[in-house]
C-alpha atoms as a PDB file:
ATOM      1  CA  UNK A   1     -10.679   2.382 -24.418  1.00  0.00           C
ATOM      2  CA  UNK A   2     -13.622   0.201 -25.490  1.00  0.00           C
ATOM      3  CA  UNK A   3     -13.978  -3.252 -23.441  1.00  0.00           C
ATOM      4  CA  UNK A   4     -12.875  -5.368 -26.519  1.00  0.00           C
ATOM      5  CA  UNK A   5      -9.414  -3.832 -26.902  1.00  0.00           C
ATOM      6  CA  UNK A   6      -8.487  -2.489 -23.485  1.00  0.00           C
ATOM      7  CA  UNK A   7      -6.594  -6.095 -22.467  1.00  0.00           C
ATOM      8  CA  UNK A   8      -4.460  -5.337 -25.310  1.00  0.00           C
ATOM      9  CA  UNK A   9      -2.373  -2.263 -23.927  1.00  0.00           C
ATOM     10  CA  UNK A  10       1.556  -1.714 -23.772  1.00  0.00           C
ATOM     11  CA  UNK A  11       1.422  -2.390 -19.846  1.00  0.00           C
ATOM     12  CA  UNK A  12       2.783   1.100 -19.402  1.00  0.00           C
ATOM     13  CA  UNK A  13       0.963   3.117 -16.711  1.00  0.00           C
ATOM     14  CA  UNK A  14       0.836   6.362 -15.975  1.00  0.00           C
ATOM     15  CA  UNK A  15       1.760   7.939 -12.228  1.00  0.00           C
ATOM     16  CA  UNK A  16      -1.890   8.503 -12.108  1.00  0.00           C
ATOM     17  CA  UNK A  17      -2.733   4.613 -12.828  1.00  0.00           C
ATOM     18  CA  UNK A  18      -0.549   3.902  -9.729  1.00  0.00           C
ATOM     19  CA  UNK A  19      -2.430   5.635  -7.287  1.00  0.00           C
ATOM     20  CA  UNK A  20      -5.500   2.930  -8.253  1.00  0.00           C
ATOM     21  CA  UNK A  21      -7.107   0.811  -5.663  1.00  0.00           C
ATOM     22  CA  UNK A  22      -4.755  -2.376  -6.606  1.00  0.00           C
ATOM     23  CA  UNK A  23      -1.476  -1.866  -8.865  1.00  0.00           C
ATOM     24  CA  UNK A  24      -2.230  -4.119 -11.902  1.00  0.00           C
ATOM     25  CA  UNK A  25       0.962  -6.157 -12.719  1.00  0.00           C
ATOM     26  CA  UNK A  26       3.275  -6.327 -15.415  1.00  0.00           C
ATOM     27  CA  UNK A  27       3.705  -8.847 -18.010  1.00  0.00           C
ATOM     28  CA  UNK A  28       0.604 -10.762 -17.189  1.00  0.00           C
ATOM     29  CA  UNK A  29      -0.412 -13.168 -19.457  1.00  0.00           C
ATOM     30  CA  UNK A  30      -3.774 -14.038 -18.971  1.00  0.00           C
ATOM     31  CA  UNK A  31      -5.943 -17.320 -19.841  1.00  0.00           C
ATOM     32  CA  UNK A  32      -9.301 -16.901 -21.441  1.00  0.00           C
ATOM     33  CA  UNK A  33     -11.185 -16.736 -18.373  1.00  0.00           C
ATOM     34  CA  UNK A  34      -9.619 -14.046 -16.860  1.00  0.00           C
ATOM     35  CA  UNK A  35      -9.625 -12.103 -19.667  1.00  0.00           C
ATOM     36  CA  UNK A  36     -14.000 -13.149 -19.578  1.00  0.00           C
ATOM     37  CA  UNK A  37     -14.026 -12.024 -16.029  1.00  0.00           C
ATOM     38  CA  UNK A  38     -12.529  -8.496 -16.508  1.00  0.00           C
ATOM     39  CA  UNK A  39     -14.603  -8.126 -19.314  1.00  0.00           C
ATOM     40  CA  UNK A  40     -17.864  -9.156 -17.234  1.00  0.00           C
ATOM     41  CA  UNK A  41     -15.994  -6.790 -14.544  1.00  0.00           C
ATOM     42  CA  UNK A  42     -15.959  -3.731 -16.530  1.00  0.00           C
ATOM     43  CA  UNK A  43     -19.276  -4.784 -17.819  1.00  0.00           C
ATOM     44  CA  UNK A  44     -20.264  -4.378 -14.032  1.00  0.00           C
ATOM     45  CA  UNK A  45     -19.035  -1.100 -13.546  1.00  0.00           C
ATOM     46  CA  UNK A  46     -21.278   0.803 -16.417  1.00  0.00           C
ATOM     47  CA  UNK A  47     -24.213  -1.287 -14.773  1.00  0.00           C
ATOM     48  CA  UNK A  48     -27.329  -0.747 -12.341  1.00  0.00           C
ATOM     49  CA  UNK A  49     -25.823  -3.644 -10.740  1.00  0.00           C
ATOM     50  CA  UNK A  50     -25.286  -3.368  -7.168  1.00  0.00           C
ATOM     51  CA  UNK A  51     -22.551  -6.362  -6.849  1.00  0.00           C
ATOM     52  CA  UNK A  52     -20.376  -8.852  -8.860  1.00  0.00           C
ATOM     53  CA  UNK A  53     -18.866 -11.883  -7.534  1.00  0.00           C
ATOM     54  CA  UNK A  54     -16.194 -13.043  -8.876  1.00  0.00           C
ATOM     55  CA  UNK A  55     -14.936 -16.736  -7.116  1.00  0.00           C
ATOM     56  CA  UNK A  56     -11.643 -19.212  -7.518  1.00  0.00           C
ATOM     57  CA  UNK A  57      -9.542 -21.391  -5.473  1.00  0.00           C
ATOM     58  CA  UNK A  58      -6.831 -19.922  -4.029  1.00  0.00           C
ATOM     59  CA  UNK A  59      -4.022 -18.451  -6.601  1.00  0.00           C
ATOM     60  CA  UNK A  60      -5.905 -17.654  -9.983  1.00  0.00           C
ATOM     61  CA  UNK A  61      -5.544 -14.772 -10.192  1.00  0.00           C
ATOM     62  CA  UNK A  62      -8.671 -13.322  -9.031  1.00  0.00           C
ATOM     63  CA  UNK A  63      -7.102 -10.122  -7.318  1.00  0.00           C
ATOM     64  CA  UNK A  64      -4.774  -9.538 -10.404  1.00  0.00           C
ATOM     65  CA  UNK A  65      -7.967  -9.950 -12.390  1.00  0.00           C
ATOM     66  CA  UNK A  66      -9.350  -7.092 -10.173  1.00  0.00           C
ATOM     67  CA  UNK A  67      -6.599  -5.079 -10.733  1.00  0.00           C
ATOM     68  CA  UNK A  68      -6.449  -5.242 -14.856  1.00  0.00           C
ATOM     69  CA  UNK A  69     -10.239  -5.022 -14.577  1.00  0.00           C
ATOM     70  CA  UNK A  70      -9.744  -1.294 -12.752  1.00  0.00           C
ATOM     71  CA  UNK A  71      -6.613   0.009 -14.506  1.00  0.00           C
ATOM     72  CA  UNK A  72      -7.326   3.412 -15.135  1.00  0.00           C
ATOM     73  CA  UNK A  73     -10.839   3.618 -13.585  1.00  0.00           C
ATOM     74  CA  UNK A  74     -11.824   6.502 -10.856  1.00  0.00           C
ATOM     75  CA  UNK A  75     -14.264   7.185  -7.869  1.00  0.00           C
ATOM     76  CA  UNK A  76     -14.555   3.637  -7.395  1.00  0.00           C
ATOM     77  CA  UNK A  77     -16.441   2.994  -3.839  1.00  0.00           C
ATOM     78  CA  UNK A  78     -17.275   0.354  -1.684  1.00  0.00           C
ATOM     79  CA  UNK A  79     -14.294  -1.966  -3.203  1.00  0.00           C
ATOM     80  CA  UNK A  80     -14.189  -5.259  -1.121  1.00  0.00           C
ATOM     81  CA  UNK A  81     -11.757  -7.976  -1.843  1.00  0.00           C
END
């Protein structure tokens, strides 16, 4: 799945995906800033950087963005929310 089209899935999750760190919610419509944050998180996960700072006011969807960005990923170590 490429970084450009991973947001366009059909929201059907396998049993393996439900075992992820945070189960991604279904039927969420992301705004442009949330889509960009997801892409940046995915880029970070393949980079050699040691931390990623996602900040925003309460209720703005940070945890949901992280869940979507981690969908289908394995071997995530050291996640702190």
